[in-house]
Amino acid sequence: RVVWVGTDDNGGNMLIQLSEKVRKVLEPLGFFSDKPFKPHITVFRIKKKMNDITKELESQNMIDFGIQEVTGIKLKKSELTSNGPIYSDLEEIKAVR
């Protein structure tokens, strides 16, 4: 139900390091992770039943999407409703160079 893109080892390790920094800052504020961090980018979610797209996705499994520089982080709130989730920004932190 979720289509996502993974990372190579180098990018994954950098994302894990970043997530650890964020976790250490947020824990004293009362925010705790509900599951272990796995480096990936969610592309889209499948909400309605559709044909199996596994073969099409597997044919794309080694595409190199390049490198993305992180210039900031947004802390998001996800409020689940009967009409779907409502997302809002709680805070935005720009990266320091």
C-alpha atoms as a PDB file:
ATOM      1  CA  ARG A   1       0.000   0.000   0.000  1.00  0.00           C
ATOM      2  CA  VAL A   2       3.062   2.246   0.135  1.00  0.00           C
ATOM      3  CA  VAL A   3       5.499   2.792  -2.719  1.00  0.00           C
ATOM      4  CA  TRP A   4       8.875   3.977  -1.490  1.00  0.00           C
ATOM      5  CA  VAL A   5      12.441   4.511  -2.673  1.00  0.00           C
ATOM      6  CA  GLY A   6      15.339   3.150  -0.661  1.00  0.00           C
ATOM      7  CA  THR A   7      18.862   4.538  -0.358  1.00  0.00           C
ATOM      8  CA  ASP A   8      22.351   3.262  -0.948  1.00  0.00           C
ATOM      9  CA  ASP A   9      24.498   2.515   2.115  1.00  0.00           C
ATOM     10  CA  ASN A  10      26.173   5.935   2.158  1.00  0.00           C
ATOM     11  CA  GLY A  11      22.961   7.934   1.824  1.00  0.00           C
ATOM     12  CA  GLY A  12      21.187   5.630   4.261  1.00  0.00           C
ATOM     13  CA  ASN A  13      23.901   6.076   6.886  1.00  0.00           C
ATOM     14  CA  MET A  14      23.763   9.866   6.517  1.00  0.00           C
ATOM     15  CA  LEU A  15      19.971   9.801   6.940  1.00  0.00           C
ATOM     16  CA  ILE A  16      20.309   7.603  10.028  1.00  0.00           C
ATOM     17  CA  GLN A  17      22.823  10.056  11.528  1.00  0.00           C
ATOM     18  CA  LEU A  18      20.451  12.930  10.795  1.00  0.00           C
ATOM     19  CA  SER A  19      17.511  11.081  12.342  1.00  0.00           C
ATOM     20  CA  GLU A  20      19.566  10.437  15.492  1.00  0.00           C
ATOM     21  CA  LYS A  21      20.344  14.145  15.823  1.00  0.00           C
ATOM     22  CA  VAL A  22      16.664  14.999  15.432  1.00  0.00           C
ATOM     23  CA  ARG A  23      15.653  12.289  17.923  1.00  0.00           C
ATOM     24  CA  LYS A  24      18.121  13.575  20.548  1.00  0.00           C
ATOM     25  CA  VAL A  25      16.738  17.098  20.258  1.00  0.00           C
ATOM     26  CA  LEU A  26      13.073  16.050  20.362  1.00  0.00           C
ATOM     27  CA  GLU A  27      13.169  13.523  23.227  1.00  0.00           C
ATOM     28  CA  PRO A  28      13.619  16.156  25.977  1.00  0.00           C
ATOM     29  CA  LEU A  29      10.555  17.910  24.525  1.00  0.00           C
ATOM     30  CA  GLY A  30       8.450  14.776  25.009  1.00  0.00           C
ATOM     31  CA  PHE A  31       8.556  13.434  21.429  1.00  0.00           C
ATOM     32  CA  PHE A  32       9.455   9.766  21.066  1.00  0.00           C
ATOM     33  CA  SER A  33       9.718   7.545  18.011  1.00  0.00           C
ATOM     34  CA  ASP A  34       7.103   4.817  17.744  1.00  0.00           C
ATOM     35  CA  LYS A  35       9.302   2.626  15.505  1.00  0.00           C
ATOM     36  CA  PRO A  36      12.915   2.342  14.356  1.00  0.00           C
ATOM     37  CA  PHE A  37      13.965   4.737  11.577  1.00  0.00           C
ATOM     38  CA  LYS A  38      14.483   3.123   8.159  1.00  0.00           C
ATOM     39  CA  PRO A  39      15.990   5.460   5.552  1.00  0.00           C
ATOM     40  CA  HIS A  40      13.621   5.839   2.592  1.00  0.00           C
ATOM     41  CA  ILE A  41      11.438   8.295   0.723  1.00  0.00           C
ATOM     42  CA  THR A  42       7.730   7.587   0.457  1.00  0.00           C
ATOM     43  CA  VAL A  43       6.642   8.239  -3.139  1.00  0.00           C
ATOM     44  CA  PHE A  44       2.921   7.603  -2.728  1.00  0.00           C
ATOM     45  CA  ARG A  45       0.339   5.614  -0.840  1.00  0.00           C
ATOM     46  CA  ILE A  46      -2.245   3.397  -2.513  1.00  0.00           C
ATOM     47  CA  LYS A  47      -5.643   4.197  -1.031  1.00  0.00           C
ATOM     48  CA  LYS A  48      -7.974   2.296  -3.340  1.00  0.00           C
ATOM     49  CA  LYS A  49      -7.676  -1.269  -4.568  1.00  0.00           C
ATOM     50  CA  MET A  50      -5.888  -1.408  -7.913  1.00  0.00           C
ATOM     51  CA  ASN A  51      -4.218  -3.922 -10.174  1.00  0.00           C
ATOM     52  CA  ASP A  52      -0.979  -5.495  -8.973  1.00  0.00           C
ATOM     53  CA  ILE A  53       1.891  -3.189  -9.990  1.00  0.00           C
ATOM     54  CA  THR A  54       4.665  -5.319  -8.467  1.00  0.00           C
ATOM     55  CA  LYS A  55       6.283  -6.221 -11.815  1.00  0.00           C
ATOM     56  CA  GLU A  56       6.319  -2.609 -12.996  1.00  0.00           C
ATOM     57  CA  LEU A  57       7.910  -1.479  -9.753  1.00  0.00           C
ATOM     58  CA  GLU A  58      10.479  -4.288  -9.749  1.00  0.00           C
ATOM     59  CA  SER A  59      11.569  -3.300 -13.273  1.00  0.00           C
ATOM     60  CA  GLN A  60      12.512   0.111 -11.814  1.00  0.00           C
ATOM     61  CA  ASN A  61      14.326  -1.167  -8.716  1.00  0.00           C
ATOM     62  CA  MET A  62      17.834   0.022  -9.639  1.00  0.00           C
ATOM     63  CA  ILE A  63      17.114   3.535 -10.887  1.00  0.00           C
ATOM     64  CA  ASP A  64      19.562   6.125  -9.598  1.00  0.00           C
ATOM     65  CA  PHE A  65      17.610   9.215  -8.571  1.00  0.00           C
ATOM     66  CA  GLY A  66      20.778  11.180  -7.839  1.00  0.00           C
ATOM     67  CA  ILE A  67      21.696  13.100  -4.719  1.00  0.00           C
ATOM     68  CA  GLN A  68      19.418  15.440  -2.796  1.00  0.00           C
ATOM     69  CA  GLU A  69      20.899  18.040  -0.474  1.00  0.00           C
ATOM     70  CA  VAL A  70      18.907  18.526   2.717  1.00  0.00           C
ATOM     71  CA  THR A  71      18.481  22.273   3.277  1.00  0.00           C
ATOM     72  CA  GLY A  72      16.040  22.044   6.150  1.00  0.00           C
ATOM     73  CA  ILE A  73      13.680  19.881   8.143  1.00  0.00           C
ATOM     74  CA  LYS A  74       9.975  20.364   8.759  1.00  0.00           C
ATOM     75  CA  LEU A  75       8.392  18.852  11.822  1.00  0.00           C
ATOM     76  CA  LYS A  76       4.950  17.761  10.575  1.00  0.00           C
ATOM     77  CA  LYS A  77       1.728  16.926  12.364  1.00  0.00           C
ATOM     78  CA  SER A  78      -0.480  14.244  10.865  1.00  0.00           C
ATOM     79  CA  GLU A  79      -4.080  14.286  12.065  1.00  0.00           C
ATOM     80  CA  LEU A  80      -6.063  11.264  10.891  1.00  0.00           C
ATOM     81  CA  THR A  81      -9.666  11.975   9.956  1.00  0.00           C
ATOM     82  CA  SER A  82     -12.424   9.974   8.260  1.00  0.00           C
ATOM     83  CA  ASN A  83     -11.670  11.952   5.070  1.00  0.00           C
ATOM     84  CA  GLY A  84      -7.966  11.159   5.205  1.00  0.00           C
ATOM     85  CA  PRO A  85      -4.993  12.676   6.985  1.00  0.00           C
ATOM     86  CA  ILE A  86      -4.564  16.408   7.475  1.00  0.00           C
ATOM     87  CA  TYR A  87      -0.917  17.509   7.496  1.00  0.00           C
ATOM     88  CA  SER A  88       0.342  20.729   9.010  1.00  0.00           C
ATOM     89  CA  ASP A  89       3.789  22.182   9.663  1.00  0.00           C
ATOM     90  CA  LEU A  90       4.720  22.558  13.327  1.00  0.00           C
ATOM     91  CA  GLU A  91       8.234  23.914  12.874  1.00  0.00           C
ATOM     92  CA  GLU A  92      10.811  24.393  10.121  1.00  0.00           C
ATOM     93  CA  ILE A  93      14.541  24.322  10.803  1.00  0.00           C
ATOM     94  CA  LYS A  94      16.918  25.485   8.087  1.00  0.00           C
ATOM     95  CA  ALA A  95      20.213  23.617   7.702  1.00  0.00           C
ATOM     96  CA  VAL A  96      23.379  25.384   8.828  1.00  0.00           C
ATOM     97  CA  ARG A  97      26.277  25.231   6.412  1.00  0.00           C
END
